[in-house]
Amino acid sequence: MKQAHPRALKCLLGTLCVAGSLALSFGAHAADNASKAGASKPGEVSGALDTSKMDQPAATTIAPGKSETADSAFLKLDIKSKGYVTKDDTKVLEGFDKSFTKHDDKRDGKLSLAEFRKAWSMYTGQAGPTGPSGAAADDKAPAKGKPAQ
């Protein structure tokens, strides 16, 4: 087995000593700062971010493109799977308010899937909300990730 050069060993040993000294120094500095900040136990840092009192982050809505089907757009906007979308849900769609208001048939501030299909058709200029046979599409919300057929 080949032996390491004594000078290389000295250099390696010196590097390890410096690294160890820095680590110990940093640890002592952190502990000192924690005690000054009012931490009650060693290793505990006072003033740390307490996430238990924070609201959970809101799910983000991905704006559907105008080339998408109404069902696909509905799934993206109804992120909480409520079975309807509100004006707040659709605020990511610039200019959709007019379609929303016109097709909110119940005037309840919500669009069911059937109402949304009509509004989406007006908004995108796509063909109306009818099925392949020309009959009106049902009001049943598509399963998450699977547009209605």
Protein backbone atom coordinates (compact mmCIF):
# COMPACT_ATOMS: atom_id res chain seq x y z
CA MET A 1 0.00 0.00 0.00
CA LYS A 2 1.31 3.42 -0.91
CA GLN A 3 1.95 5.78 2.02
CA ALA A 4 0.80 9.38 1.91
CA HIS A 5 3.39 12.09 1.82
CA PRO A 6 3.93 13.58 5.32
CA ARG A 7 3.38 17.10 4.00
CA ALA A 8 0.00 16.07 2.50
CA LEU A 9 -1.04 14.53 5.82
CA LYS A 10 -0.09 17.72 7.65
CA CYS A 11 -2.16 19.78 5.20
CA LEU A 12 -5.17 17.48 5.54
CA LEU A 13 -4.91 17.49 9.32
CA GLY A 14 -4.68 21.29 9.34
CA THR A 15 -7.75 21.62 7.13
CA LEU A 16 -9.75 19.30 9.37
CA CYS A 17 -8.68 21.26 12.46
CA VAL A 18 -9.80 24.56 10.92
CA ALA A 19 -13.13 23.10 9.82
CA GLY A 20 -13.74 21.63 13.26
CA SER A 21 -12.86 24.92 14.96
CA LEU A 22 -15.27 26.82 12.73
CA ALA A 23 -18.07 24.35 13.44
CA LEU A 24 -17.53 24.59 17.20
CA SER A 25 -17.34 28.36 17.03
CA PHE A 26 -20.55 28.59 15.03
CA GLY A 27 -22.35 26.23 17.43
CA ALA A 28 -21.25 28.28 20.46
CA HIS A 29 -22.29 31.50 18.73
CA ALA A 30 -25.76 30.10 17.91
CA ALA A 31 -26.25 28.86 21.47
CA ASP A 32 -25.19 32.24 22.85
CA ASN A 33 -27.64 34.06 20.56
CA ALA A 34 -30.43 31.70 21.56
CA SER A 35 -29.88 32.36 25.25
CA LYS A 36 -29.77 36.13 24.66
CA ALA A 37 -33.03 35.90 22.73
CA GLY A 38 -34.76 34.25 25.68
CA ALA A 39 -34.72 30.60 24.71
CA SER A 40 -35.51 28.44 27.69
CA LYS A 41 -33.62 25.29 26.69
CA PRO A 42 -30.24 24.72 25.08
CA GLY A 43 -30.69 24.26 21.35
CA GLU A 44 -34.04 26.06 21.38
CA VAL A 45 -34.18 29.24 19.38
CA SER A 46 -36.55 31.92 20.59
CA GLY A 47 -38.30 33.96 17.97
CA ALA A 48 -38.40 31.08 15.51
CA LEU A 49 -41.26 31.16 13.05
CA ASP A 50 -44.32 29.56 14.67
CA THR A 51 -46.24 28.05 11.77
CA SER A 52 -48.99 26.59 13.97
CA LYS A 53 -50.75 29.96 14.08
CA MET A 54 -50.53 30.59 10.36
CA ASP A 55 -53.36 29.97 7.97
CA GLN A 56 -52.80 27.15 5.58
CA PRO A 57 -51.74 28.42 2.17
CA ALA A 58 -54.64 28.86 -0.19
CA ALA A 59 -54.77 26.49 -3.10
CA THR A 60 -53.80 28.35 -6.21
CA THR A 61 -56.04 28.50 -9.22
CA ILE A 62 -54.45 27.82 -12.57
CA ALA A 63 -56.14 29.92 -15.20
CA PRO A 64 -57.54 27.71 -17.95
CA GLY A 65 -56.86 28.67 -21.53
CA LYS A 66 -59.66 29.61 -23.91
CA SER A 67 -58.86 26.56 -26.05
CA GLU A 68 -59.82 24.21 -23.19
CA THR A 69 -63.20 22.57 -22.90
CA ALA A 70 -65.71 23.98 -20.44
CA ASP A 71 -65.41 20.86 -18.28
CA SER A 72 -61.62 21.11 -18.13
CA ALA A 73 -61.81 24.81 -17.24
CA PHE A 74 -64.46 24.09 -14.58
CA LEU A 75 -62.20 21.50 -12.93
CA LYS A 76 -59.31 23.95 -12.79
CA LEU A 77 -61.45 26.71 -11.31
CA ASP A 78 -63.39 24.57 -8.81
CA ILE A 79 -60.26 23.72 -6.80
CA LYS A 80 -62.23 22.82 -3.68
CA SER A 81 -64.60 20.47 -5.59
CA LYS A 82 -67.70 22.38 -4.48
CA GLY A 83 -69.62 21.59 -7.65
CA TYR A 84 -69.90 25.27 -8.59
CA VAL A 85 -67.64 28.27 -9.19
CA THR A 86 -67.96 31.77 -7.77
CA LYS A 87 -66.82 35.12 -9.16
CA ASP A 88 -63.85 34.84 -6.82
CA ASP A 89 -62.95 31.46 -8.37
CA THR A 90 -63.09 32.97 -11.86
CA LYS A 91 -61.19 36.18 -11.15
CA VAL A 92 -58.17 34.67 -12.94
CA LEU A 93 -60.15 34.89 -16.19
CA GLU A 94 -59.83 38.43 -17.48
CA GLY A 95 -63.15 39.59 -18.96
CA PHE A 96 -65.19 36.62 -17.68
CA ASP A 97 -67.40 38.77 -15.39
CA LYS A 98 -69.85 39.62 -18.17
CA SER A 99 -70.35 35.94 -19.07
CA PHE A 100 -70.62 35.04 -15.39
CA THR A 101 -73.33 37.61 -14.69
CA LYS A 102 -75.29 36.76 -17.83
CA HIS A 103 -75.35 33.01 -17.15
CA ASP A 104 -75.85 33.06 -13.37
CA ASP A 105 -79.47 32.00 -13.95
CA LYS A 106 -80.31 31.63 -10.25
CA ARG A 107 -78.61 34.96 -9.39
CA ASP A 108 -76.92 33.24 -6.45
CA GLY A 109 -73.34 34.29 -7.26
CA LYS A 110 -72.48 30.72 -8.28
CA LEU A 111 -72.29 28.97 -11.61
CA SER A 112 -73.25 25.32 -11.70
CA LEU A 113 -71.55 23.23 -14.35
CA ALA A 114 -74.46 23.76 -16.75
CA GLU A 115 -74.40 27.52 -16.19
CA PHE A 116 -70.60 27.54 -16.47
CA ARG A 117 -70.73 25.70 -19.80
CA LYS A 118 -72.95 28.44 -21.24
CA ALA A 119 -70.75 31.18 -19.78
CA TRP A 120 -67.58 29.47 -21.07
CA SER A 121 -69.10 29.18 -24.53
CA MET A 122 -69.84 32.92 -24.57
CA TYR A 123 -66.41 33.80 -23.12
CA THR A 124 -64.37 31.66 -25.51
CA GLY A 125 -66.54 31.80 -28.60
CA GLN A 126 -66.60 27.99 -28.69
CA ALA A 127 -69.65 26.00 -29.80
CA GLY A 128 -72.54 25.89 -27.36
CA PRO A 129 -72.82 23.59 -24.34
CA THR A 130 -74.45 20.68 -26.10
CA GLY A 131 -73.50 17.08 -26.24
CA PRO A 132 -72.55 15.19 -29.43
CA SER A 133 -76.21 14.54 -30.26
CA GLY A 134 -77.07 18.21 -29.90
CA ALA A 135 -78.97 17.63 -26.66
CA ALA A 136 -78.08 19.85 -23.73
CA ALA A 137 -75.27 18.47 -21.61
CA ASP A 138 -76.19 17.41 -18.09
CA ASP A 139 -75.39 19.41 -14.96
CA LYS A 140 -73.33 16.66 -13.33
CA ALA A 141 -69.84 17.86 -12.42
CA PRO A 142 -67.05 15.83 -14.02
CA ALA A 143 -64.86 13.73 -11.76
CA LYS A 144 -61.57 15.40 -10.79
CA GLY A 145 -59.03 14.88 -13.54
CA LYS A 146 -61.61 13.35 -15.89
CA PRO A 147 -63.61 15.73 -18.10
CA ALA A 148 -67.19 14.67 -18.78
CA GLN A 149 -67.69 12.67 -21.95
